[in-house]
């Protein structure tokens, strides 16, 4: 995954490398194409996107480092809360 890049005081959109487990395509996605959900545990923290090649909905686990990269790169984040 790549992070946000700035040059000459102009922010450049972050681009992230990703792959589809269904069609096995590799591609780059802008931050706006990804969603990050942060839950109470590792099992409920994940990122998701739609494969631009086959259209599959992809969901992958997100460890601490991936969460840092995605949030730093401007990916929209949803915090999941447990209700009693």
N, C-alpha and C. Protein backbone atom coordinates (compact mmCIF):
# COMPACT_ATOMS: atom_id res chain seq x y z
N UNK A 1 0.84 -1.17 0.00
CA UNK A 1 0.00 0.00 0.00
C UNK A 1 0.89 1.24 0.00
N UNK A 2 0.52 2.21 -0.74
CA UNK A 2 1.27 3.45 -0.82
C UNK A 2 0.57 4.50 0.03
N UNK A 3 1.28 5.51 0.43
CA UNK A 3 0.69 6.57 1.24
C UNK A 3 0.45 7.82 0.44
N UNK A 4 0.01 8.87 1.12
CA UNK A 4 -0.26 10.15 0.46
C UNK A 4 1.07 10.80 0.08
N UNK A 5 1.07 11.50 -1.01
CA UNK A 5 2.27 12.17 -1.49
C UNK A 5 1.98 13.65 -1.65
N UNK A 6 2.91 14.48 -1.23
CA UNK A 6 2.76 15.91 -1.47
C UNK A 6 3.98 16.40 -2.24
N UNK A 7 3.77 17.34 -3.10
CA UNK A 7 4.88 17.90 -3.86
C UNK A 7 4.61 19.36 -4.15
N UNK A 8 5.57 20.21 -3.90
CA UNK A 8 5.46 21.65 -4.16
C UNK A 8 4.24 22.26 -3.46
N UNK A 9 3.91 21.72 -2.28
CA UNK A 9 2.78 22.27 -1.52
C UNK A 9 1.42 21.84 -2.03
N UNK A 10 1.37 20.95 -3.02
CA UNK A 10 0.09 20.48 -3.57
C UNK A 10 -0.11 19.04 -3.15
N UNK A 11 -1.26 18.74 -2.53
CA UNK A 11 -1.55 17.38 -2.11
C UNK A 11 -1.95 16.54 -3.32
N UNK A 12 -1.37 15.35 -3.40
CA UNK A 12 -1.71 14.41 -4.46
C UNK A 12 -2.55 13.30 -3.83
N UNK A 13 -3.57 12.85 -4.53
CA UNK A 13 -4.44 11.81 -4.01
C UNK A 13 -3.65 10.55 -3.72
N UNK A 14 -3.89 9.94 -2.55
CA UNK A 14 -3.23 8.70 -2.19
C UNK A 14 -3.73 7.57 -3.08
N UNK A 15 -2.82 6.70 -3.45
CA UNK A 15 -3.15 5.54 -4.26
C UNK A 15 -2.65 4.30 -3.51
N UNK A 16 -3.48 3.27 -3.45
CA UNK A 16 -3.16 2.06 -2.72
C UNK A 16 -3.16 0.86 -3.66
N UNK A 17 -2.17 0.00 -3.52
CA UNK A 17 -2.12 -1.23 -4.31
C UNK A 17 -3.03 -2.25 -3.64
N UNK A 18 -3.79 -2.97 -4.45
CA UNK A 18 -4.71 -3.97 -3.93
C UNK A 18 -4.80 -5.12 -4.92
N UNK A 19 -5.38 -6.22 -4.47
CA UNK A 19 -5.57 -7.38 -5.33
C UNK A 19 -6.91 -8.03 -5.01
N UNK A 20 -7.50 -8.64 -6.01
CA UNK A 20 -8.79 -9.31 -5.86
C UNK A 20 -8.56 -10.80 -5.63
N UNK A 21 -9.10 -11.37 -4.56
CA UNK A 21 -8.93 -12.81 -4.34
C UNK A 21 -9.77 -13.66 -5.30
N UNK A 22 -10.78 -13.08 -5.92
CA UNK A 22 -11.63 -13.84 -6.84
C UNK A 22 -11.01 -13.98 -8.22
N UNK A 23 -10.67 -12.85 -8.87
CA UNK A 23 -10.12 -12.92 -10.23
C UNK A 23 -8.60 -12.80 -10.25
N UNK A 24 -8.00 -12.55 -9.09
CA UNK A 24 -6.55 -12.44 -8.91
C UNK A 24 -5.91 -11.25 -9.63
N UNK A 25 -6.72 -10.27 -9.99
CA UNK A 25 -6.19 -9.06 -10.63
C UNK A 25 -5.50 -8.19 -9.57
N UNK A 26 -4.45 -7.49 -9.98
CA UNK A 26 -3.77 -6.51 -9.14
C UNK A 26 -3.99 -5.14 -9.76
N UNK A 27 -4.19 -4.14 -8.93
CA UNK A 27 -4.51 -2.80 -9.43
C UNK A 27 -4.22 -1.78 -8.36
N UNK A 28 -4.37 -0.51 -8.71
CA UNK A 28 -4.23 0.59 -7.76
C UNK A 28 -5.59 1.25 -7.59
N UNK A 29 -5.90 1.62 -6.36
CA UNK A 29 -7.17 2.27 -6.04
C UNK A 29 -6.91 3.60 -5.34
N UNK A 30 -7.69 4.60 -5.68
CA UNK A 30 -7.64 5.88 -4.97
C UNK A 30 -8.28 5.70 -3.60
N UNK A 31 -7.96 6.58 -2.68
CA UNK A 31 -8.50 6.49 -1.32
C UNK A 31 -10.02 6.44 -1.31
N UNK A 32 -10.66 7.15 -2.23
CA UNK A 32 -12.11 7.18 -2.29
C UNK A 32 -12.76 5.87 -2.68
N UNK A 33 -11.98 4.93 -3.22
CA UNK A 33 -12.52 3.63 -3.62
C UNK A 33 -12.48 2.60 -2.50
N UNK A 34 -11.86 2.97 -1.37
CA UNK A 34 -11.72 2.06 -0.24
C UNK A 34 -12.56 2.53 0.93
N UNK A 35 -12.96 1.59 1.78
CA UNK A 35 -13.65 1.89 3.03
C UNK A 35 -12.95 1.12 4.14
N UNK A 36 -12.80 1.73 5.29
CA UNK A 36 -12.17 1.10 6.44
C UNK A 36 -13.17 1.04 7.58
N UNK A 37 -13.33 -0.13 8.17
CA UNK A 37 -14.20 -0.29 9.34
C UNK A 37 -13.32 -0.71 10.50
N UNK A 38 -13.40 0.04 11.60
CA UNK A 38 -12.60 -0.26 12.79
C UNK A 38 -13.54 -0.76 13.86
N UNK A 39 -13.35 -2.02 14.25
CA UNK A 39 -14.19 -2.64 15.26
C UNK A 39 -13.47 -2.79 16.58
N UNK A 40 -14.08 -3.53 17.48
CA UNK A 40 -13.54 -3.73 18.82
C UNK A 40 -12.40 -4.74 18.85
N UNK A 41 -12.24 -5.53 17.78
CA UNK A 41 -11.19 -6.54 17.75
C UNK A 41 -10.58 -6.63 16.35
N UNK A 42 -9.54 -7.45 16.25
CA UNK A 42 -8.91 -7.66 14.94
C UNK A 42 -9.89 -8.30 13.97
N UNK A 43 -10.79 -9.12 14.47
CA UNK A 43 -11.76 -9.81 13.61
C UNK A 43 -12.80 -8.86 13.03
N UNK A 44 -13.00 -7.72 13.68
CA UNK A 44 -14.02 -6.78 13.20
C UNK A 44 -13.41 -5.50 12.62
N UNK A 45 -12.12 -5.53 12.36
CA UNK A 45 -11.45 -4.40 11.72
C UNK A 45 -11.02 -4.85 10.32
N UNK A 46 -11.53 -4.16 9.30
CA UNK A 46 -11.28 -4.59 7.94
C UNK A 46 -11.40 -3.42 6.98
N UNK A 47 -10.89 -3.61 5.77
CA UNK A 47 -11.11 -2.64 4.71
C UNK A 47 -11.82 -3.35 3.57
N UNK A 48 -12.52 -2.58 2.76
CA UNK A 48 -13.27 -3.18 1.66
C UNK A 48 -13.22 -2.29 0.42
N UNK A 49 -13.45 -2.93 -0.71
CA UNK A 49 -13.49 -2.24 -2.00
C UNK A 49 -14.19 -3.14 -2.99
N UNK A 50 -14.53 -2.59 -4.14
CA UNK A 50 -15.09 -3.36 -5.24
C UNK A 50 -14.02 -3.53 -6.30
N UNK A 51 -13.79 -4.76 -6.72
CA UNK A 51 -12.77 -5.03 -7.73
C UNK A 51 -13.17 -4.34 -9.03
N UNK A 52 -12.29 -3.50 -9.57
CA UNK A 52 -12.61 -2.80 -10.82
C UNK A 52 -12.62 -3.73 -12.04
N UNK A 53 -12.02 -4.92 -11.92
CA UNK A 53 -11.98 -5.86 -13.05
C UNK A 53 -13.21 -6.77 -13.11
N UNK A 54 -13.55 -7.41 -11.97
CA UNK A 54 -14.65 -8.38 -11.99
C UNK A 54 -15.89 -7.92 -11.24
N UNK A 55 -15.80 -6.81 -10.49
CA UNK A 55 -16.95 -6.28 -9.78
C UNK A 55 -17.24 -6.94 -8.44
N UNK A 56 -16.38 -7.85 -7.98
CA UNK A 56 -16.60 -8.53 -6.70
C UNK A 56 -16.41 -7.57 -5.53
N UNK A 57 -17.23 -7.75 -4.51
CA UNK A 57 -17.04 -7.01 -3.26
C UNK A 57 -15.96 -7.73 -2.48
N UNK A 58 -14.90 -7.01 -2.13
CA UNK A 58 -13.74 -7.60 -1.45
C UNK A 58 -13.65 -7.02 -0.05
N UNK A 59 -13.42 -7.89 0.92
CA UNK A 59 -13.25 -7.48 2.32
C UNK A 59 -12.01 -8.18 2.84
N UNK A 60 -11.08 -7.40 3.39
CA UNK A 60 -9.83 -7.95 3.90
C UNK A 60 -9.56 -7.43 5.30
N UNK A 61 -8.93 -8.25 6.14
CA UNK A 61 -8.61 -7.81 7.50
C UNK A 61 -7.60 -6.66 7.47
N UNK A 62 -7.68 -5.78 8.45
CA UNK A 62 -6.77 -4.64 8.54
C UNK A 62 -6.10 -4.63 9.91
N UNK A 63 -4.81 -4.92 9.90
CA UNK A 63 -4.03 -4.83 11.14
C UNK A 63 -3.69 -3.37 11.42
N UNK A 64 -2.95 -3.17 12.49
CA UNK A 64 -2.62 -1.81 12.93
C UNK A 64 -1.91 -1.00 11.84
N UNK A 65 -0.93 -1.60 11.16
CA UNK A 65 -0.17 -0.88 10.14
C UNK A 65 -1.05 -0.49 8.96
N UNK A 66 -1.94 -1.37 8.54
CA UNK A 66 -2.84 -1.05 7.42
C UNK A 66 -3.80 0.05 7.83
N UNK A 67 -4.30 -0.01 9.07
CA UNK A 67 -5.18 1.05 9.56
C UNK A 67 -4.46 2.40 9.51
N UNK A 68 -3.20 2.43 9.94
CA UNK A 68 -2.41 3.67 9.90
C UNK A 68 -2.26 4.19 8.47
N UNK A 69 -1.91 3.30 7.54
CA UNK A 69 -1.72 3.72 6.15
C UNK A 69 -3.02 4.23 5.52
N UNK A 70 -4.11 3.52 5.75
CA UNK A 70 -5.38 3.92 5.15
C UNK A 70 -5.91 5.22 5.73
N UNK A 71 -5.86 5.36 7.05
CA UNK A 71 -6.36 6.61 7.64
C UNK A 71 -5.46 7.78 7.26
N UNK A 72 -4.14 7.55 7.22
CA UNK A 72 -3.21 8.60 6.81
C UNK A 72 -3.38 8.99 5.34
N UNK A 73 -3.88 8.06 4.54
CA UNK A 73 -4.07 8.31 3.12
C UNK A 73 -5.44 8.84 2.77
N UNK A 74 -6.26 9.12 3.78
CA UNK A 74 -7.56 9.73 3.53
C UNK A 74 -8.71 8.79 3.24
N UNK A 75 -8.55 7.50 3.55
CA UNK A 75 -9.64 6.55 3.33
C UNK A 75 -10.75 6.80 4.35
N UNK A 76 -11.98 6.81 3.86
CA UNK A 76 -13.13 7.03 4.72
C UNK A 76 -13.22 5.90 5.76
N UNK A 77 -13.40 6.28 7.03
CA UNK A 77 -13.36 5.32 8.12
C UNK A 77 -14.68 5.31 8.89
N UNK A 78 -15.12 4.10 9.22
CA UNK A 78 -16.32 3.89 10.02
C UNK A 78 -15.90 3.18 11.29
N UNK A 79 -16.27 3.73 12.43
CA UNK A 79 -15.95 3.07 13.70
C UNK A 79 -17.19 2.29 14.14
N UNK A 80 -17.00 0.99 14.33
CA UNK A 80 -18.09 0.12 14.73
C UNK A 80 -18.18 0.10 16.24
N UNK A 81 -19.39 0.20 16.78
CA UNK A 81 -19.61 0.22 18.23
C UNK A 81 -20.48 -0.97 18.61
N UNK A 82 -20.19 -1.52 19.76
CA UNK A 82 -21.00 -2.62 20.28
C UNK A 82 -22.14 -2.01 21.08
N UNK A 83 -23.37 -2.46 20.79
CA UNK A 83 -24.53 -1.98 21.53
C UNK A 83 -24.93 -3.04 22.55
N UNK A 84 -25.37 -2.58 23.70
CA UNK A 84 -25.75 -3.51 24.78
C UNK A 84 -27.13 -4.05 24.60
